[in-house]
Amino acid sequence: MLKFRRISNNEKGVVLIAGYLVIAALLGFVTALVSVSTTQNSIANSFKRQTQAFDIAESGLDSALFWLRAQPAPPVGSIAPLTGNVNAGAYNGSYTVTLTDLGAQGGVPSIRRYKVSSTGTIGGKSKVLTNFLETDNYALYIWFTDSESFSGTTVWFWNQDYLSGPTQTNSHFNISGNPVFNGEVQSVDSYLRYYNNGNNINSSLLSNPPYDNPNFMQGVTLGGDPVNMPSSALNLRTAAQSGESGKFYLTGDTTIVLNADGTMNVSNDNKSPKWNNKNMALPVNGALFVNNGNLTISGTLKGRLTTGASKDIYIPSNIVYSSDPRINPNSTDTMGIISEGDVVINHDASYNLEIDAAIMAMNTSFMLDDWSQGPAKGTLTVYGGIIQDQRGPVGTFNGQTNQKVSGYSKNYSYDPRLLNSPPPFYPTTGDYITLSWEED
């Protein structure tokens, strides 16, 4: 039988107090929950605006780079700030970019450096990003070609070829045997061509072409962006015409022999009186140009010099540095060779030949004279870089045996000093490279 007991007034009070405590606790929990939720939303919104401010600041850096690329020449001196607005949802963001010209670098007028600081602002939040940019130049390749053919004839890399450094072609590479590429390799076309089947090979077959096995030690990129070749050495021409201590802008065929003491012997029949092995110092600004004539150059360079010619440049024997940077890291000897025609190695040049220089043949090629004629020579060593419109041959090989028939094997190595200290007045690409990136 169930029994009921009447609850006393004291007991009712205890129950009522307990209920109030429970309700108070629940209200406190709900309040705390709402507070936490509000705080989290505030933190999330703040983080979102900070992220948006970061993205807006990046947009400012991109705008500055586009602006620099659009200028006819790298700007000098004071540069007005750039501003822009960005629509980002509930808030409208904006950026302000300051560009500071840090001047020519290492005494090289064509190499200018800039500090680019971009402040992105949105919803009361700001972020500052900074880039350090430098003008880009063609002296960053061991090998660059606009075309890998010569007057319509395919030119091949083969067994005895070794290239160490950045390599780029605006077409496709032609491979026979087992050449070695030790550096970044980029081709604008989406395929390589292999000698032993004579057809264009899709990139999916790259790893196992029949009988041909090139060694791309750092990989290869197909379908890359093209880089336009310049057509004239305008900066070098101008510098040679306005050089200090005499203008080294010569007319007519000229021969130069470089001397290890920092001088050169110059022959030019158009001078009055004629220069016949006239000994003189190198140009103070490092610029020498031959107009309406060919230039023949060889010897040992002590100093910084870029030579150019409106016609062809001939190399009869070695061009080397007085202080080899591969042995002496403090060497500042730097050579540029720029032809608005061809750069040609004389057919009777020595069995093994070395050229220490950043070489550019704007129209058409770097090549061996009478390259298809014997005898077979030794190794052509280039320490620097080769940039040319069409790939010029320096020898031939037997397609059946892969044995050399004429000319040189190749040993081309990039001079890493050229990246930040190219030869004087070496052509720039019109683009800029990022040296460093900072977030404040």
Protein backbone atom coordinates (compact mmCIF):
# COMPACT_ATOMS: atom_id res chain seq x y z
CA MET A 1 0.00 0.00 0.00
CA LEU A 2 1.41 3.41 -1.04
CA LYS A 3 1.91 6.04 1.61
CA PHE A 4 2.06 9.82 0.99
CA ARG A 5 3.82 12.37 3.15
CA ARG A 6 2.96 16.05 3.25
CA ILE A 7 5.92 18.29 2.35
CA SER A 8 6.67 20.90 4.96
CA ASN A 9 7.09 24.62 4.20
CA ASN A 10 10.80 24.38 4.97
CA GLU A 11 11.20 21.60 2.46
CA LYS A 12 9.26 23.61 -0.15
CA GLY A 13 11.71 26.46 0.30
CA VAL A 14 14.67 24.18 -0.28
CA VAL A 15 13.16 22.83 -3.48
CA LEU A 16 12.38 26.35 -4.69
CA ILE A 17 15.93 27.53 -4.00
CA ALA A 18 17.37 24.52 -5.77
CA GLY A 19 15.17 25.24 -8.80
CA TYR A 20 16.30 28.83 -8.91
CA LEU A 21 19.92 27.68 -8.74
CA VAL A 22 19.40 25.31 -11.64
CA ILE A 23 17.71 28.05 -13.67
CA ALA A 24 20.48 30.51 -12.79
CA ALA A 25 23.09 27.99 -13.78
CA LEU A 26 21.33 27.34 -17.10
CA LEU A 27 21.03 31.07 -17.76
CA GLY A 28 24.72 31.52 -16.96
CA PHE A 29 25.63 28.67 -19.30
CA VAL A 30 23.49 30.11 -22.09
CA THR A 31 25.00 33.57 -21.53
CA ALA A 32 28.50 32.13 -21.57
CA LEU A 33 27.66 30.11 -24.69
CA VAL A 34 26.34 33.21 -26.43
CA SER A 35 29.44 35.16 -25.32
CA VAL A 36 31.78 32.44 -26.58
CA SER A 37 29.87 32.23 -29.86
CA THR A 38 29.98 36.01 -30.26
CA THR A 39 33.73 36.06 -29.48
CA GLN A 40 34.40 33.22 -31.93
CA ASN A 41 32.41 35.00 -34.63
CA SER A 42 34.36 38.18 -33.94
CA ILE A 43 37.67 36.28 -34.11
CA ALA A 44 36.54 34.51 -37.30
CA ASN A 45 35.49 37.79 -38.90
CA SER A 46 38.74 39.44 -37.84
CA PHE A 47 40.76 36.54 -39.26
CA LYS A 48 38.72 36.68 -42.46
CA ARG A 49 39.41 40.41 -42.88
CA GLN A 50 43.11 39.87 -42.14
CA THR A 51 43.18 37.17 -44.83
CA GLN A 52 41.34 39.50 -47.21
CA ALA A 53 43.80 42.30 -46.39
CA PHE A 54 46.67 39.90 -47.22
CA ASP A 55 45.06 39.02 -50.57
CA ILE A 56 44.44 42.71 -51.34
CA ALA A 57 48.08 43.54 -50.54
CA GLU A 58 49.13 40.76 -52.95
CA SER A 59 46.88 42.35 -55.60
CA GLY A 60 48.80 45.57 -55.05
CA LEU A 61 52.12 43.79 -55.62
CA ASP A 62 50.75 42.25 -58.83
CA SER A 63 49.55 45.67 -60.03
CA ALA A 64 53.00 47.15 -59.40
CA LEU A 65 54.65 44.37 -61.42
CA PHE A 66 52.19 44.89 -64.32
CA TRP A 67 52.91 48.64 -64.15
CA LEU A 68 56.68 48.11 -64.26
CA ARG A 69 56.38 45.75 -67.23
CA ALA A 70 54.34 48.36 -69.11
CA GLN A 71 57.02 51.05 -68.83
CA PRO A 72 59.18 51.68 -71.91
CA ALA A 73 62.30 51.42 -69.71
CA PRO A 74 63.01 50.66 -66.04
CA PRO A 75 61.95 53.81 -64.16
CA VAL A 76 64.62 55.92 -62.48
CA GLY A 77 64.25 58.09 -59.38
CA SER A 78 60.98 59.09 -57.72
CA ILE A 79 57.91 56.98 -58.52
CA ALA A 80 54.37 58.05 -57.59
CA PRO A 81 52.38 55.63 -55.36
CA LEU A 82 49.88 53.27 -56.97
CA THR A 83 46.40 52.84 -55.51
CA GLY A 84 43.44 50.60 -56.23
CA ASN A 85 40.10 49.42 -54.86
CA VAL A 86 39.00 45.80 -54.43
CA ASN A 87 35.39 44.69 -53.90
CA ALA A 88 35.42 41.94 -51.24
CA GLY A 89 31.87 41.17 -50.08
CA ALA A 90 30.49 43.28 -47.24
CA TYR A 91 33.59 45.50 -47.18
CA ASN A 92 35.34 47.42 -49.92
CA GLY A 93 39.09 46.97 -49.71
CA SER A 94 41.92 49.08 -51.09
CA TYR A 95 45.66 48.96 -51.57
CA THR A 96 48.42 51.54 -51.66
CA VAL A 97 51.75 50.62 -53.24
CA THR A 98 55.00 52.53 -52.84
CA LEU A 99 57.81 51.82 -55.31
CA THR A 100 61.34 52.82 -54.37
CA ASP A 101 64.09 52.85 -56.98
CA LEU A 102 67.18 51.38 -55.27
CA GLY A 103 69.38 52.26 -58.23
CA ALA A 104 71.78 50.37 -60.49
CA GLN A 105 73.38 47.31 -58.93
CA GLY A 106 77.07 46.44 -58.90
CA GLY A 107 77.93 49.24 -61.29
CA VAL A 108 75.75 47.67 -64.00
CA PRO A 109 73.40 50.40 -65.32
CA SER A 110 71.00 47.93 -66.94
CA ILE A 111 70.41 46.11 -63.65
CA ARG A 112 68.09 48.17 -61.45
CA ARG A 113 66.52 47.09 -58.19
CA TYR A 114 63.22 48.20 -56.63
CA LYS A 115 61.54 47.90 -53.25
CA VAL A 116 57.80 47.44 -53.65
CA SER A 117 55.64 47.75 -50.50
CA SER A 118 51.90 47.14 -50.70
CA THR A 119 49.42 47.88 -47.89
CA GLY A 120 46.08 46.10 -48.20
CA THR A 121 43.21 47.45 -46.05
CA ILE A 122 39.66 46.17 -45.45
CA GLY A 123 37.19 46.52 -42.57
CA GLY A 124 39.73 48.26 -40.34
CA LYS A 125 42.38 45.55 -40.88
CA SER A 126 45.63 46.10 -42.77
CA LYS A 127 48.48 43.92 -44.03
CA VAL A 128 51.81 45.05 -45.50
CA LEU A 129 53.75 42.92 -48.02
CA THR A 130 57.09 43.84 -49.56
CA ASN A 131 58.85 42.57 -52.69
CA PHE A 132 62.38 43.32 -53.85
CA LEU A 133 62.48 43.19 -57.66
CA GLU A 134 65.32 43.40 -60.17
CA THR A 135 65.34 43.83 -63.92
CA ASP A 136 65.64 40.50 -65.69
CA ASN A 137 68.27 39.92 -68.39
CA TYR A 138 69.21 37.29 -70.94
CA ALA A 139 72.40 36.34 -69.12
CA LEU A 140 70.51 33.83 -66.98
CA TYR A 141 70.76 30.91 -69.44
CA ILE A 142 73.51 28.52 -70.33
CA TRP A 143 71.47 27.80 -73.45
CA PHE A 144 68.65 29.75 -75.08
CA THR A 145 67.30 29.42 -78.62
CA ASP A 146 64.29 30.83 -80.39
CA SER A 147 64.49 27.88 -82.79
CA GLU A 148 66.35 24.55 -82.60
CA SER A 149 66.87 24.45 -86.37
CA PHE A 150 69.41 26.19 -88.60
CA SER A 151 68.09 27.54 -91.93
CA GLY A 152 65.44 24.80 -91.87
CA THR A 153 67.88 22.04 -90.92
CA THR A 154 67.28 20.16 -87.65
CA VAL A 155 70.20 20.42 -85.20
CA TRP A 156 70.57 17.67 -82.57
CA PHE A 157 71.89 17.21 -79.07
CA TRP A 158 73.84 13.95 -79.03
CA ASN A 159 75.96 11.58 -76.92
CA GLN A 160 78.95 13.84 -76.28
CA ASP A 161 77.00 16.95 -75.28
CA TYR A 162 76.93 18.19 -71.68
CA LEU A 163 75.00 21.30 -70.59
CA SER A 164 75.07 22.51 -66.99
CA GLY A 165 72.69 25.37 -66.23
CA PRO A 166 69.27 26.80 -67.12
CA THR A 167 68.20 25.80 -70.63
CA GLN A 168 65.30 27.20 -72.69
CA THR A 169 64.02 26.89 -76.23
CA ASN A 170 61.01 28.58 -77.77
CA SER A 171 60.51 25.46 -79.89
CA HIS A 172 61.42 21.82 -79.04
CA PHE A 173 64.68 19.96 -78.39
CA ASN A 174 66.02 17.35 -80.84
CA ILE A 175 67.68 14.40 -79.10
CA SER A 176 70.00 11.68 -80.37
CA GLY A 177 71.65 9.25 -77.98
CA ASN A 178 72.36 10.24 -74.37
CA PRO A 179 73.14 13.95 -73.94
CA VAL A 180 73.23 15.26 -70.36
CA PHE A 181 71.31 18.31 -69.12
CA ASN A 182 72.29 19.31 -65.58
CA GLY A 183 69.92 22.19 -64.84
CA GLU A 184 66.38 23.38 -65.43
CA VAL A 185 65.23 22.51 -68.95
CA GLN A 186 62.19 24.17 -70.52
CA SER A 187 60.66 23.80 -73.96
CA VAL A 188 57.74 25.85 -75.26
CA ASP A 189 56.51 22.96 -77.43
CA SER A 190 54.73 20.04 -75.76
CA TYR A 191 57.06 17.37 -77.13
CA LEU A 192 60.68 16.41 -77.76
CA ARG A 193 61.92 14.96 -81.03
CA TYR A 194 64.10 11.84 -81.00
CA TYR A 195 66.46 10.90 -83.80
CA ASN A 196 65.85 7.16 -83.85
CA ASN A 197 62.24 7.26 -84.91
CA GLY A 198 62.26 10.60 -86.72
CA ASN A 199 58.84 11.69 -85.48
CA ASN A 200 57.60 14.12 -82.88
CA ILE A 201 57.19 12.23 -79.60
CA ASN A 202 54.35 13.01 -77.23
CA SER A 203 55.46 13.95 -73.72
CA SER A 204 53.82 10.77 -72.34
CA LEU A 205 56.63 8.76 -73.96
CA LEU A 206 59.35 11.01 -72.59
CA SER A 207 60.67 8.53 -70.02
CA ASN A 208 61.41 5.77 -72.52
CA PRO A 209 62.09 6.95 -76.06
CA PRO A 210 63.41 4.15 -78.32
CA TYR A 211 67.24 4.04 -78.35
CA ASP A 212 67.57 7.64 -77.14
CA ASN A 213 67.96 8.28 -73.43
CA PRO A 214 68.71 11.92 -72.56
CA ASN A 215 69.61 12.55 -68.93
CA PHE A 216 67.52 15.45 -67.64
CA MET A 217 69.11 15.56 -64.20
CA GLN A 218 66.67 18.19 -62.87
CA GLY A 219 63.69 17.26 -65.00
CA VAL A 220 62.22 18.90 -68.06
CA THR A 221 59.22 21.22 -68.47
CA LEU A 222 57.24 21.01 -71.70
CA GLY A 223 54.70 23.61 -72.83
CA GLY A 224 56.50 26.45 -71.04
CA ASP A 225 56.14 30.18 -71.69
CA PRO A 226 58.13 31.71 -74.58
CA VAL A 227 60.79 34.40 -74.09
CA ASN A 228 61.18 36.94 -76.90
CA MET A 229 64.61 37.54 -78.45
CA PRO A 230 65.83 41.15 -78.86
CA SER A 231 66.75 42.29 -82.36
CA SER A 232 69.41 44.91 -81.61
CA ALA A 233 72.00 45.80 -78.98
CA LEU A 234 70.64 49.32 -78.52
CA ASN A 235 71.86 49.83 -74.94
CA LEU A 236 75.37 48.70 -75.85
CA ARG A 237 75.46 50.93 -78.92
CA THR A 238 74.41 53.95 -76.89
CA ALA A 239 76.89 53.24 -74.09
CA ALA A 240 79.78 52.79 -76.56
CA GLN A 241 78.99 56.16 -78.12
CA SER A 242 78.99 57.98 -74.78
CA GLY A 243 81.76 56.22 -72.88
CA GLU A 244 84.19 58.07 -70.65
CA SER A 245 87.87 58.47 -71.64
CA GLY A 246 87.09 58.15 -75.32
CA LYS A 247 84.22 56.60 -77.19
CA PHE A 248 84.68 52.98 -78.24
CA TYR A 249 82.21 53.10 -81.10
CA LEU A 250 84.26 51.96 -84.08
CA THR A 251 83.40 51.72 -87.77
CA GLY A 252 84.50 48.93 -90.10
CA ASP A 253 86.23 45.61 -89.56
CA THR A 254 88.04 45.48 -86.22
CA THR A 255 90.35 42.99 -84.51
CA ILE A 256 90.83 42.92 -80.74
CA VAL A 257 93.30 40.85 -78.73
CA LEU A 258 92.66 40.99 -74.98
CA ASN A 259 95.66 41.07 -72.64
CA ALA A 260 95.95 39.61 -69.14
CA ASP A 261 97.19 42.98 -67.80
CA GLY A 262 93.78 44.61 -68.40
CA THR A 263 94.61 46.18 -71.76
CA MET A 264 93.73 45.30 -75.34
CA ASN A 265 95.41 45.56 -78.74
CA VAL A 266 93.07 47.00 -81.36
CA SER A 267 93.40 47.03 -85.16
CA ASN A 268 91.08 49.15 -87.31
CA ASP A 269 91.86 50.47 -90.79
CA ASN A 270 89.19 53.18 -90.63
CA LYS A 271 90.91 55.10 -87.86
CA SER A 272 93.16 57.95 -88.87
CA PRO A 273 95.93 57.08 -88.53
CA LYS A 274 95.18 53.38 -88.75
CA TRP A 275 95.22 51.36 -85.57
CA ASN A 276 97.55 48.39 -85.94
CA ASN A 277 97.64 46.41 -82.69
CA LYS A 278 97.29 49.68 -80.81
CA ASN A 279 97.57 48.95 -77.10
CA MET A 280 95.02 50.71 -74.90
CA ALA A 281 93.02 50.33 -71.72
CA LEU A 282 89.59 48.74 -71.72
CA PRO A 283 86.65 51.16 -71.97
CA VAL A 284 85.92 52.68 -68.58
CA ASN A 285 82.22 51.86 -68.82
CA GLY A 286 82.90 48.42 -70.29
CA ALA A 287 81.14 49.07 -73.63
CA LEU A 288 82.64 48.59 -77.11
CA PHE A 289 80.71 48.39 -80.38
CA VAL A 290 81.71 47.95 -84.03
CA ASN A 291 79.27 49.45 -86.55
CA ASN A 292 79.15 48.47 -90.24
CA GLY A 293 81.84 45.86 -89.80
CA ASN A 294 82.86 42.50 -88.39
CA LEU A 295 84.68 42.06 -85.08
CA THR A 296 87.37 39.44 -84.47
CA ILE A 297 88.18 38.91 -80.80
CA SER A 298 90.33 36.59 -78.67
CA GLY A 299 92.70 36.62 -75.71
CA THR A 300 92.65 36.90 -71.91
CA LEU A 301 90.31 39.39 -70.25
CA LYS A 302 91.09 41.20 -67.02
CA GLY A 303 88.09 43.38 -66.17
CA ARG A 304 84.48 43.78 -67.29
CA LEU A 305 83.76 44.19 -70.99
CA THR A 306 80.92 43.75 -73.46
CA THR A 307 81.79 43.83 -77.15
CA GLY A 308 79.25 44.06 -79.94
CA ALA A 309 79.04 44.29 -83.72
CA SER A 310 76.35 45.15 -86.22
CA LYS A 311 77.63 42.33 -88.45
CA ASP A 312 79.40 39.11 -87.38
CA ILE A 313 81.80 38.37 -84.54
CA TYR A 314 84.61 35.87 -85.19
CA ILE A 315 86.48 33.89 -82.52
CA PRO A 316 89.81 32.51 -83.81
CA SER A 317 91.14 31.20 -80.47
CA ASN A 318 90.47 31.04 -76.74
CA ILE A 319 88.72 33.80 -74.79
CA VAL A 320 89.42 33.23 -71.10
CA TYR A 321 89.49 35.18 -67.84
CA SER A 322 92.72 36.23 -66.16
CA SER A 323 91.21 35.11 -62.85
CA ASP A 324 89.11 31.99 -63.29
CA PRO A 325 85.92 32.34 -61.17
CA ARG A 326 85.69 28.56 -60.92
CA ILE A 327 88.92 28.71 -58.91
CA ASN A 328 88.81 32.24 -57.48
CA PRO A 329 85.31 33.12 -56.19
CA ASN A 330 86.37 36.78 -55.89
CA SER A 331 87.01 37.12 -59.62
CA THR A 332 85.14 40.01 -61.25
CA ASP A 333 86.30 39.31 -64.82
CA THR A 334 83.13 39.26 -66.96
CA MET A 335 82.77 39.10 -70.73
CA GLY A 336 79.79 39.78 -72.98
CA ILE A 337 79.80 39.07 -76.74
CA ILE A 338 76.77 40.41 -78.65
CA SER A 339 76.37 40.19 -82.40
CA GLU A 340 73.47 41.61 -84.37
CA GLY A 341 74.49 38.95 -86.91
CA ASP A 342 76.28 35.66 -86.12
CA VAL A 343 78.97 34.64 -83.64
CA VAL A 344 81.34 32.36 -85.58
CA ILE A 345 84.21 30.14 -84.41
CA ASN A 346 86.93 30.07 -87.05
CA HIS A 347 87.24 26.69 -88.74
CA ASP A 348 90.98 26.52 -87.98
CA ALA A 349 90.52 27.27 -84.26
CA SER A 350 92.38 24.95 -81.89
CA TYR A 351 91.47 21.30 -81.31
CA ASN A 352 90.06 22.11 -77.85
CA LEU A 353 88.60 25.59 -77.47
CA GLU A 354 87.37 27.57 -74.46
CA ILE A 355 85.17 30.68 -74.46
CA ASP A 356 84.43 32.39 -71.14
CA ALA A 357 81.58 34.76 -71.96
CA ALA A 358 77.86 35.38 -72.17
CA ILE A 359 77.37 35.05 -75.94
CA MET A 360 74.39 36.40 -77.86
CA ALA A 361 73.76 36.00 -81.61
CA MET A 362 70.66 38.04 -82.42
CA ASN A 363 70.50 37.19 -86.11
CA THR A 364 71.18 34.27 -86.49
CA SER A 365 73.46 31.79 -84.70
CA PHE A 366 76.49 30.81 -82.64
CA MET A 367 78.30 28.26 -84.82
CA LEU A 368 81.50 26.78 -86.23
CA ASP A 369 82.52 28.07 -89.66
CA ASP A 370 82.27 25.26 -92.25
CA TRP A 371 80.80 23.07 -89.51
CA SER A 372 80.05 20.14 -91.83
CA GLN A 373 83.68 19.85 -92.95
CA GLY A 374 86.25 17.76 -91.07
CA PRO A 375 88.28 17.09 -89.19
CA ALA A 376 86.64 16.03 -85.96
CA LYS A 377 87.92 18.25 -83.17
CA GLY A 378 87.95 17.90 -79.38
CA THR A 379 85.71 19.74 -76.90
CA LEU A 380 84.25 23.23 -77.08
CA THR A 381 84.04 24.55 -73.51
CA VAL A 382 81.80 27.54 -72.85
CA TYR A 383 81.68 29.02 -69.36
CA GLY A 384 78.92 31.61 -69.33
CA GLY A 385 75.95 31.28 -71.65
CA ILE A 386 74.79 31.00 -75.27
CA ILE A 387 71.73 32.91 -76.48
CA GLN A 388 70.86 32.70 -80.17
CA ASP A 389 67.96 33.16 -82.55
CA GLN A 390 68.50 29.93 -84.48
CA ARG A 391 70.60 27.10 -83.13
CA GLY A 392 73.89 27.01 -84.97
CA PRO A 393 75.85 23.77 -85.54
CA VAL A 394 79.36 23.28 -84.15
CA GLY A 395 79.87 19.82 -85.69
CA THR A 396 78.26 16.69 -87.10
CA PHE A 397 77.92 13.03 -86.10
CA ASN A 398 77.19 9.72 -87.84
CA GLY A 399 73.54 8.88 -87.33
CA GLN A 400 74.20 5.14 -87.44
CA THR A 401 77.16 4.95 -85.07
CA ASN A 402 76.72 8.22 -83.08
CA GLN A 403 80.41 8.93 -83.69
CA LYS A 404 81.66 12.47 -84.31
CA VAL A 405 82.46 13.31 -87.92
CA SER A 406 83.36 17.00 -87.74
CA GLY A 407 83.62 19.85 -85.29
CA TYR A 408 83.34 19.85 -81.50
CA SER A 409 81.71 18.02 -78.64
CA LYS A 410 80.05 20.41 -76.18
CA ASN A 411 80.84 21.16 -72.56
CA TYR A 412 78.71 24.18 -71.66
CA SER A 413 78.49 25.41 -68.05
CA TYR A 414 76.62 28.40 -66.68
CA ASP A 415 78.52 31.12 -64.82
CA PRO A 416 76.24 31.76 -61.80
CA ARG A 417 77.71 35.25 -61.29
CA LEU A 418 75.82 36.37 -64.40
CA LEU A 419 72.47 36.12 -62.63
CA ASN A 420 73.12 39.17 -60.45
CA SER A 421 76.12 40.66 -62.25
CA PRO A 422 75.73 40.29 -66.02
CA PRO A 423 78.20 41.87 -68.45
CA PRO A 424 77.89 45.64 -68.91
CA PHE A 425 74.86 46.74 -70.95
CA TYR A 426 73.71 43.19 -71.60
CA PRO A 427 70.15 43.17 -73.04
CA THR A 428 67.28 42.91 -70.58
CA THR A 429 64.10 40.91 -71.18
CA GLY A 430 61.69 43.69 -70.13
CA ASP A 431 60.60 41.57 -67.18
CA TYR A 432 61.51 41.54 -63.49
CA ILE A 433 62.60 38.80 -61.09
CA THR A 434 61.72 38.58 -57.38
CA LEU A 435 64.79 38.58 -55.17
CA SER A 436 62.96 38.32 -51.82
CA TRP A 437 59.48 38.59 -50.31
CA GLU A 438 58.51 39.85 -46.84
CA GLU A 439 55.37 40.02 -44.71
CA ASP A 440 55.33 42.78 -42.10
